[in-house]
């Protein structure tokens, strides 16, 4: 949809009884790259009026979250795939809301323990084949933050 189709969107949403909207902010051709169309997000927010609009973010920084609502861009954020890079993001966002501080980042050991627990739970609930096939999809995300090659080569 384009910015100009926001009024059309409003009518469809009203007829459908939608309680909230999450918007990605990029075109299908852009996929997950390129600039987010902030004017498009604002047009949707204005078009749907009283329905909360959440802007999808790959991995929002807690300090930036409030700015989206304050500038009228969105009522909040919907956290996307990037939360796999930082599963502690939800705790950090809660801390930020309560105190204005995110607290410490997870240590390397905490991240490894989290990965192990994730795999163990998959294994226990769904079996080895499913656990292996599923975990290999998220292991890449986890390892982007762990930087295993850098740790091995440094010591």
N, C-alpha and C. Protein backbone atom coordinates (compact mmCIF):
# COMPACT_ATOMS: atom_id res chain seq x y z
N UNK A 1 0.83 -1.18 0.00
CA UNK A 1 0.00 0.00 0.00
C UNK A 1 0.87 1.24 0.00
N UNK A 2 0.36 2.28 -0.56
CA UNK A 2 1.08 3.55 -0.58
C UNK A 2 0.49 4.48 0.47
N UNK A 3 1.17 5.59 0.69
CA UNK A 3 0.68 6.58 1.65
C UNK A 3 -0.73 7.02 1.29
N UNK A 4 -1.00 7.17 0.00
CA UNK A 4 -2.31 7.63 -0.45
C UNK A 4 -3.43 6.63 -0.20
N UNK A 5 -3.10 5.39 0.07
CA UNK A 5 -4.14 4.39 0.31
C UNK A 5 -4.53 4.27 1.77
N UNK A 6 -3.97 5.13 2.63
CA UNK A 6 -4.30 5.07 4.06
C UNK A 6 -5.80 5.27 4.32
N UNK A 7 -6.50 6.19 3.65
CA UNK A 7 -7.95 6.31 3.89
C UNK A 7 -8.71 5.03 3.53
N UNK A 8 -8.29 4.35 2.47
CA UNK A 8 -8.90 3.07 2.11
C UNK A 8 -8.68 2.06 3.24
N UNK A 9 -7.48 2.09 3.78
CA UNK A 9 -7.14 1.20 4.89
C UNK A 9 -8.06 1.47 6.09
N UNK A 10 -8.33 2.73 6.35
CA UNK A 10 -9.18 3.09 7.49
C UNK A 10 -10.54 2.43 7.37
N UNK A 11 -11.14 2.48 6.20
CA UNK A 11 -12.47 1.90 6.01
C UNK A 11 -12.45 0.39 6.17
N UNK A 12 -11.43 -0.26 5.65
CA UNK A 12 -11.31 -1.71 5.78
C UNK A 12 -11.13 -2.11 7.25
N UNK A 13 -10.34 -1.33 7.95
CA UNK A 13 -10.10 -1.62 9.36
C UNK A 13 -11.37 -1.45 10.17
N UNK A 14 -12.09 -0.38 9.94
CA UNK A 14 -13.34 -0.15 10.67
C UNK A 14 -14.33 -1.27 10.43
N UNK A 15 -14.48 -1.65 9.19
CA UNK A 15 -15.44 -2.73 8.86
C UNK A 15 -15.00 -4.06 9.46
N UNK A 16 -13.72 -4.28 9.58
CA UNK A 16 -13.21 -5.55 10.09
C UNK A 16 -13.15 -5.64 11.61
N UNK A 17 -13.38 -4.55 12.31
CA UNK A 17 -13.36 -4.56 13.76
C UNK A 17 -11.96 -4.74 14.36
N UNK A 18 -10.96 -4.23 13.70
CA UNK A 18 -9.58 -4.38 14.14
C UNK A 18 -9.34 -3.56 15.41
N UNK A 19 -8.63 -4.15 16.37
CA UNK A 19 -8.34 -3.49 17.64
C UNK A 19 -7.01 -2.75 17.62
N UNK A 20 -6.06 -3.18 16.78
CA UNK A 20 -4.74 -2.54 16.69
C UNK A 20 -4.12 -2.92 15.35
N UNK A 21 -3.15 -2.13 14.92
CA UNK A 21 -2.48 -2.36 13.64
C UNK A 21 -0.97 -2.35 13.88
N UNK A 22 -0.28 -3.26 13.23
CA UNK A 22 1.19 -3.24 13.21
C UNK A 22 1.60 -2.98 11.77
N UNK A 23 2.49 -2.03 11.59
CA UNK A 23 2.92 -1.66 10.24
C UNK A 23 4.44 -1.84 10.14
N UNK A 24 4.86 -2.40 9.03
CA UNK A 24 6.28 -2.66 8.81
C UNK A 24 7.01 -1.39 8.40
N UNK A 25 6.42 -0.57 7.54
CA UNK A 25 7.04 0.69 7.15
C UNK A 25 7.91 0.62 5.91
N UNK A 26 8.00 -0.55 5.30
CA UNK A 26 8.75 -0.71 4.05
C UNK A 26 7.86 -1.39 3.03
N UNK A 27 8.20 -1.22 1.77
CA UNK A 27 7.45 -1.88 0.72
C UNK A 27 7.87 -3.34 0.62
N UNK A 28 7.08 -4.12 -0.06
CA UNK A 28 7.42 -5.53 -0.28
C UNK A 28 8.74 -5.64 -1.04
N UNK A 29 8.96 -4.75 -2.01
CA UNK A 29 10.20 -4.78 -2.80
C UNK A 29 11.43 -4.51 -1.92
N UNK A 30 11.28 -3.68 -0.89
CA UNK A 30 12.39 -3.38 0.00
C UNK A 30 12.72 -4.56 0.91
N UNK A 31 11.72 -5.36 1.20
CA UNK A 31 11.94 -6.46 2.14
C UNK A 31 12.31 -5.94 3.51
N UNK A 32 13.46 -6.39 4.03
CA UNK A 32 13.89 -5.98 5.36
C UNK A 32 15.00 -4.94 5.30
N UNK A 33 15.27 -4.39 4.12
CA UNK A 33 16.33 -3.39 3.99
C UNK A 33 15.77 -2.07 3.51
N UNK A 34 16.61 -1.08 3.45
CA UNK A 34 16.18 0.22 2.97
C UNK A 34 15.57 1.08 4.06
N UNK A 35 15.21 2.28 3.67
CA UNK A 35 14.67 3.25 4.62
C UNK A 35 13.20 2.98 4.89
N UNK A 36 12.83 3.16 6.14
CA UNK A 36 11.44 3.05 6.55
C UNK A 36 10.72 4.33 6.10
N UNK A 37 9.50 4.18 5.61
CA UNK A 37 8.71 5.33 5.16
C UNK A 37 7.96 5.92 6.35
N UNK A 38 8.57 6.87 7.03
CA UNK A 38 7.97 7.47 8.21
C UNK A 38 6.70 8.25 7.87
N UNK A 39 6.67 8.88 6.68
CA UNK A 39 5.46 9.58 6.25
C UNK A 39 4.31 8.60 6.07
N UNK A 40 4.63 7.42 5.55
CA UNK A 40 3.61 6.39 5.38
C UNK A 40 3.06 5.91 6.72
N UNK A 41 3.94 5.73 7.69
CA UNK A 41 3.50 5.32 9.02
C UNK A 41 2.60 6.39 9.62
N UNK A 42 3.04 7.65 9.51
CA UNK A 42 2.25 8.76 10.05
C UNK A 42 0.88 8.83 9.37
N UNK A 43 0.83 8.59 8.06
CA UNK A 43 -0.44 8.62 7.33
C UNK A 43 -1.39 7.54 7.83
N UNK A 44 -0.84 6.36 8.11
CA UNK A 44 -1.68 5.28 8.65
C UNK A 44 -2.19 5.65 10.04
N UNK A 45 -1.30 6.18 10.89
CA UNK A 45 -1.69 6.59 12.24
C UNK A 45 -2.83 7.59 12.17
N UNK A 46 -2.71 8.58 11.28
CA UNK A 46 -3.76 9.60 11.15
C UNK A 46 -5.03 9.03 10.55
N UNK A 47 -4.89 8.09 9.62
CA UNK A 47 -6.06 7.54 8.94
C UNK A 47 -6.90 6.65 9.85
N UNK A 48 -6.28 5.89 10.70
CA UNK A 48 -7.05 4.95 11.51
C UNK A 48 -7.53 5.58 12.82
N UNK A 49 -7.12 6.80 13.06
CA UNK A 49 -7.58 7.61 14.18
C UNK A 49 -7.40 6.94 15.53
N UNK A 50 -8.42 6.39 16.12
CA UNK A 50 -8.36 5.90 17.51
C UNK A 50 -7.78 4.50 17.65
N UNK A 51 -7.45 3.84 16.58
CA UNK A 51 -6.89 2.48 16.65
C UNK A 51 -5.38 2.60 16.84
N UNK A 52 -4.83 1.96 17.87
CA UNK A 52 -3.38 2.05 18.08
C UNK A 52 -2.60 1.40 16.93
N UNK A 53 -1.56 2.09 16.50
CA UNK A 53 -0.68 1.60 15.44
C UNK A 53 0.69 1.35 16.07
N UNK A 54 1.21 0.16 15.85
CA UNK A 54 2.54 -0.19 16.34
C UNK A 54 3.47 -0.29 15.15
N UNK A 55 4.60 0.33 15.28
CA UNK A 55 5.62 0.29 14.23
C UNK A 55 6.52 -0.91 14.48
N UNK A 56 6.67 -1.75 13.48
CA UNK A 56 7.54 -2.92 13.61
C UNK A 56 8.98 -2.45 13.60
N UNK A 57 9.76 -2.98 14.53
CA UNK A 57 11.18 -2.68 14.61
C UNK A 57 11.96 -3.98 14.68
N UNK A 58 13.06 -4.02 14.00
CA UNK A 58 13.89 -5.23 14.01
C UNK A 58 14.39 -5.51 15.42
N UNK A 59 14.98 -4.54 16.04
CA UNK A 59 15.46 -4.72 17.41
C UNK A 59 15.53 -3.33 18.03
N UNK A 60 14.44 -2.84 18.57
CA UNK A 60 14.41 -1.45 19.03
C UNK A 60 15.33 -1.21 20.22
N UNK A 61 15.87 -0.04 20.25
CA UNK A 61 16.66 0.38 21.40
C UNK A 61 15.69 0.98 22.41
N UNK A 62 15.75 0.57 23.66
CA UNK A 62 14.80 1.09 24.65
C UNK A 62 14.74 2.61 24.69
N UNK A 63 15.88 3.28 24.55
CA UNK A 63 15.88 4.75 24.63
C UNK A 63 15.11 5.38 23.47
N UNK A 64 15.02 4.71 22.33
CA UNK A 64 14.33 5.26 21.17
C UNK A 64 12.83 4.99 21.20
N UNK A 65 12.39 4.02 21.93
CA UNK A 65 11.00 3.58 21.90
C UNK A 65 10.03 4.72 22.19
N UNK A 66 10.31 5.52 23.21
CA UNK A 66 9.40 6.60 23.57
C UNK A 66 9.29 7.63 22.46
N UNK A 67 10.37 7.87 21.75
CA UNK A 67 10.37 8.88 20.70
C UNK A 67 9.34 8.61 19.62
N UNK A 68 9.05 7.36 19.31
CA UNK A 68 8.08 7.05 18.27
C UNK A 68 6.70 7.53 18.67
N UNK A 69 6.32 7.27 19.91
CA UNK A 69 5.01 7.70 20.38
C UNK A 69 4.97 9.22 20.50
N UNK A 70 6.03 9.80 21.03
CA UNK A 70 6.06 11.25 21.23
C UNK A 70 5.94 12.01 19.92
N UNK A 71 6.52 11.49 18.85
CA UNK A 71 6.48 12.17 17.55
C UNK A 71 5.24 11.81 16.75
N UNK A 72 4.35 11.05 17.32
CA UNK A 72 3.13 10.68 16.61
C UNK A 72 3.34 9.60 15.57
N UNK A 73 4.49 8.93 15.60
CA UNK A 73 4.74 7.90 14.60
C UNK A 73 4.02 6.61 14.91
N UNK A 74 3.85 6.31 16.18
CA UNK A 74 3.18 5.05 16.53
C UNK A 74 2.87 5.06 18.02
N UNK A 75 1.91 4.23 18.40
CA UNK A 75 1.57 4.08 19.82
C UNK A 75 2.64 3.27 20.54
N UNK A 76 3.38 2.49 19.80
CA UNK A 76 4.42 1.66 20.38
C UNK A 76 5.14 0.91 19.29
N UNK A 77 5.93 -0.06 19.70
CA UNK A 77 6.67 -0.85 18.74
C UNK A 77 6.27 -2.31 18.85
N UNK A 78 6.33 -2.99 17.72
CA UNK A 78 6.19 -4.44 17.67
C UNK A 78 7.59 -4.97 17.38
N UNK A 79 8.06 -5.84 18.19
CA UNK A 79 9.43 -6.29 18.08
C UNK A 79 9.51 -7.46 17.10
N UNK A 80 10.38 -7.32 16.11
CA UNK A 80 10.49 -8.31 15.05
C UNK A 80 11.57 -9.34 15.30
N UNK A 81 12.03 -9.94 14.21
CA UNK A 81 12.99 -11.03 14.27
C UNK A 81 14.27 -10.67 14.99
N UNK A 82 14.62 -9.40 14.97
CA UNK A 82 15.86 -8.97 15.61
C UNK A 82 15.91 -9.22 17.10
N UNK A 83 14.76 -9.49 17.71
CA UNK A 83 14.77 -9.82 19.14
C UNK A 83 15.55 -11.11 19.37
N UNK A 84 15.75 -11.89 18.32
CA UNK A 84 16.58 -13.09 18.46
C UNK A 84 18.03 -12.73 18.74
N UNK A 85 18.44 -11.54 18.33
CA UNK A 85 19.79 -11.08 18.63
C UNK A 85 19.94 -10.75 20.11
N UNK A 86 18.83 -10.38 20.72
CA UNK A 86 18.88 -9.98 22.13
C UNK A 86 17.60 -10.43 22.83
N UNK A 87 17.51 -11.67 23.25
CA UNK A 87 16.30 -12.15 23.93
C UNK A 87 16.03 -11.41 25.24
N UNK A 88 17.02 -10.69 25.76
CA UNK A 88 16.85 -9.92 26.99
C UNK A 88 16.21 -8.57 26.73
N UNK A 89 15.93 -8.27 25.49
CA UNK A 89 15.36 -6.98 25.12
C UNK A 89 14.08 -6.67 25.89
N UNK A 90 13.25 -7.66 26.11
CA UNK A 90 11.98 -7.44 26.78
C UNK A 90 12.18 -7.01 28.23
N UNK A 91 13.14 -7.62 28.89
CA UNK A 91 13.48 -7.23 30.26
C UNK A 91 14.07 -5.82 30.26
N UNK A 92 14.92 -5.55 29.29
CA UNK A 92 15.52 -4.22 29.20
C UNK A 92 14.47 -3.15 28.95
N UNK A 93 13.50 -3.44 28.10
CA UNK A 93 12.43 -2.47 27.84
C UNK A 93 11.61 -2.22 29.10
N UNK A 94 11.32 -3.27 29.85
CA UNK A 94 10.56 -3.10 31.09
C UNK A 94 11.36 -2.25 32.08
N UNK A 95 12.65 -2.55 32.22
CA UNK A 95 13.50 -1.76 33.12
C UNK A 95 13.53 -0.29 32.69
N UNK A 96 13.63 -0.08 31.37
CA UNK A 96 13.68 1.28 30.84
C UNK A 96 12.39 2.03 31.18
N UNK A 97 11.26 1.37 31.02
CA UNK A 97 9.98 1.98 31.36
C UNK A 97 9.89 2.33 32.84
N UNK A 98 10.44 1.48 33.69
CA UNK A 98 10.35 1.68 35.14
C UNK A 98 11.37 2.67 35.69
N UNK A 99 12.59 2.64 35.15
CA UNK A 99 13.66 3.43 35.77
C UNK A 99 14.43 4.34 34.82
N UNK A 100 14.24 4.17 33.51
CA UNK A 100 15.03 4.94 32.57
C UNK A 100 16.39 4.34 32.30
N UNK A 101 16.67 3.19 32.90
CA UNK A 101 17.94 2.48 32.70
C UNK A 101 17.65 1.07 32.20
N UNK A 102 18.46 0.59 31.27
CA UNK A 102 18.24 -0.75 30.72
C UNK A 102 18.88 -1.84 31.57
N UNK A 103 19.87 -1.47 32.36
CA UNK A 103 20.60 -2.48 33.13
C UNK A 103 21.68 -3.11 32.28
N UNK A 104 22.42 -4.04 32.86
CA UNK A 104 23.55 -4.65 32.13
C UNK A 104 23.08 -5.56 31.00
N UNK A 105 23.92 -5.66 29.99
CA UNK A 105 23.66 -6.60 28.90
C UNK A 105 23.98 -8.01 29.39
N UNK A 106 23.43 -8.99 28.72
CA UNK A 106 23.70 -10.38 29.07
C UNK A 106 25.16 -10.71 28.80
N UNK A 107 25.73 -11.51 29.66
CA UNK A 107 27.12 -11.93 29.48
C UNK A 107 27.19 -13.03 28.43
N UNK A 108 28.40 -13.33 28.00
CA UNK A 108 28.62 -14.41 27.04
C UNK A 108 28.10 -15.73 27.62
N UNK A 109 28.38 -15.96 28.88
CA UNK A 109 27.95 -17.20 29.53
C UNK A 109 26.43 -17.29 29.63
N UNK A 110 25.77 -16.18 29.94
CA UNK A 110 24.31 -16.16 30.01
C UNK A 110 23.70 -16.45 28.65
N UNK A 111 24.31 -15.91 27.61
CA UNK A 111 23.80 -16.15 26.26
C UNK A 111 23.95 -17.63 25.87
N UNK A 112 25.10 -18.22 26.20
CA UNK A 112 25.31 -19.64 25.91
C UNK A 112 24.32 -20.50 26.69
N UNK A 113 24.09 -20.17 27.95
CA UNK A 113 23.13 -20.92 28.77
C UNK A 113 21.72 -20.79 28.20
N UNK A 114 21.38 -19.63 27.70
CA UNK A 114 20.08 -19.41 27.10
C UNK A 114 19.91 -20.28 25.85
N UNK A 115 20.95 -20.30 25.01
CA UNK A 115 20.91 -21.14 23.81
C UNK A 115 20.74 -22.61 24.18
N UNK A 116 21.51 -23.04 25.17
CA UNK A 116 21.42 -24.44 25.60
C UNK A 116 20.02 -24.78 26.11
N UNK A 117 19.45 -23.87 26.89
CA UNK A 117 18.09 -24.10 27.42
C UNK A 117 17.07 -24.14 26.28
N UNK A 118 17.21 -23.24 25.33
CA UNK A 118 16.31 -23.21 24.18
C UNK A 118 16.34 -24.55 23.45
N UNK A 119 17.55 -25.02 23.15
CA UNK A 119 17.67 -26.30 22.45
C UNK A 119 17.13 -27.45 23.29
N UNK A 120 17.45 -27.46 24.58
CA UNK A 120 16.98 -28.53 25.47
C UNK A 120 15.46 -28.59 25.54
N UNK A 121 14.83 -27.44 25.58
CA UNK A 121 13.36 -27.40 25.62
C UNK A 121 12.76 -27.90 24.30
N UNK A 122 13.36 -27.49 23.19
CA UNK A 122 12.91 -28.01 21.89
C UNK A 122 13.04 -29.53 21.85
N UNK A 123 14.17 -30.02 22.29
CA UNK A 123 14.45 -31.45 22.30
C UNK A 123 13.45 -32.20 23.17
N UNK A 124 13.19 -31.70 24.36
CA UNK A 124 12.28 -32.37 25.29
C UNK A 124 10.84 -32.38 24.80
N UNK A 125 10.44 -31.31 24.14
CA UNK A 125 9.03 -31.19 23.74
C UNK A 125 8.72 -31.70 22.35
N UNK A 126 9.72 -31.69 21.46
CA UNK A 126 9.42 -32.05 20.08
C UNK A 126 10.32 -33.12 19.48
N UNK A 127 11.34 -33.54 20.18
CA UNK A 127 12.22 -34.58 19.66
C UNK A 127 13.44 -34.03 18.94
N UNK A 128 14.39 -34.95 18.69
CA UNK A 128 15.69 -34.55 18.14
C UNK A 128 15.60 -33.93 16.75
N UNK A 129 14.87 -34.57 15.85
CA UNK A 129 14.79 -34.07 14.47
C UNK A 129 14.23 -32.65 14.43
N UNK A 130 13.08 -32.45 15.07
CA UNK A 130 12.46 -31.13 15.08
C UNK A 130 13.38 -30.10 15.76
N UNK A 131 13.97 -30.49 16.89
CA UNK A 131 14.84 -29.58 17.63
C UNK A 131 16.02 -29.13 16.77
N UNK A 132 16.65 -30.06 16.09
CA UNK A 132 17.81 -29.72 15.26
C UNK A 132 17.41 -28.84 14.07
N UNK A 133 16.33 -29.20 13.40
CA UNK A 133 15.89 -28.41 12.25
C UNK A 133 15.46 -27.00 12.66
N UNK A 134 14.79 -26.90 13.76
CA UNK A 134 14.30 -25.60 14.22
C UNK A 134 15.44 -24.75 14.79
N UNK A 135 16.28 -25.37 15.60
CA UNK A 135 17.32 -24.61 16.27
C UNK A 135 18.35 -24.05 15.29
N UNK A 136 18.61 -24.75 14.22
CA UNK A 136 19.61 -24.23 13.28
C UNK A 136 19.14 -22.92 12.65
N UNK A 137 17.85 -22.68 12.62
CA UNK A 137 17.33 -21.41 12.09
C UNK A 137 17.64 -20.25 13.02
N UNK A 138 17.59 -20.49 14.33
CA UNK A 138 17.81 -19.40 15.28
C UNK A 138 19.26 -19.34 15.77
N UNK A 139 20.00 -20.42 15.64
CA UNK A 139 21.39 -20.43 16.10
C UNK A 139 22.20 -19.33 15.39
N UNK A 140 21.92 -19.11 14.12
CA UNK A 140 22.60 -18.06 13.38
C UNK A 140 22.37 -16.70 14.03
N UNK A 141 21.15 -16.43 14.45
CA UNK A 141 20.84 -15.16 15.11
C UNK A 141 21.61 -15.05 16.43
N UNK A 142 21.55 -16.08 17.23
CA UNK A 142 22.26 -16.07 18.51
C UNK A 142 23.75 -15.83 18.31
N UNK A 143 24.34 -16.50 17.33
CA UNK A 143 25.79 -16.42 17.11
C UNK A 143 26.24 -15.08 16.57
N UNK A 144 25.35 -14.33 15.97
CA UNK A 144 25.73 -13.00 15.48
C UNK A 144 26.20 -12.11 16.63
N UNK A 145 25.62 -12.30 17.79
CA UNK A 145 25.99 -11.51 18.96
C UNK A 145 27.16 -12.14 19.70
N UNK A 146 27.24 -13.45 19.68
CA UNK A 146 28.30 -14.15 20.41
C UNK A 146 29.67 -13.98 19.76
N UNK A 147 29.70 -13.81 18.45
CA UNK A 147 30.96 -13.69 17.70
C UNK A 147 31.91 -14.82 18.03
N UNK A 148 31.50 -16.09 17.82
CA UNK A 148 32.36 -17.21 18.22
C UNK A 148 33.70 -17.23 17.55
N UNK A 149 33.78 -16.83 16.29
CA UNK A 149 35.07 -16.85 15.59
C UNK A 149 36.04 -15.86 16.21
N UNK A 150 35.56 -14.70 16.58
CA UNK A 150 36.42 -13.68 17.18
C UNK A 150 36.94 -14.15 18.53
N UNK A 151 36.12 -14.83 19.32
CA UNK A 151 36.55 -15.31 20.64
C UNK A 151 37.59 -16.41 20.47
N UNK A 152 37.40 -17.28 19.48
CA UNK A 152 38.35 -18.40 19.30
C UNK A 152 39.70 -17.88 18.82
N UNK A 153 39.72 -16.90 17.97
CA UNK A 153 40.97 -16.42 17.40
C UNK A 153 41.73 -15.51 18.36
N UNK A 154 41.03 -14.98 19.39
CA UNK A 154 41.70 -14.03 20.29
C UNK A 154 42.41 -14.73 21.44
N UNK A 155 42.21 -16.01 21.64
CA UNK A 155 42.85 -16.61 22.80
C UNK A 155 43.21 -17.96 22.54
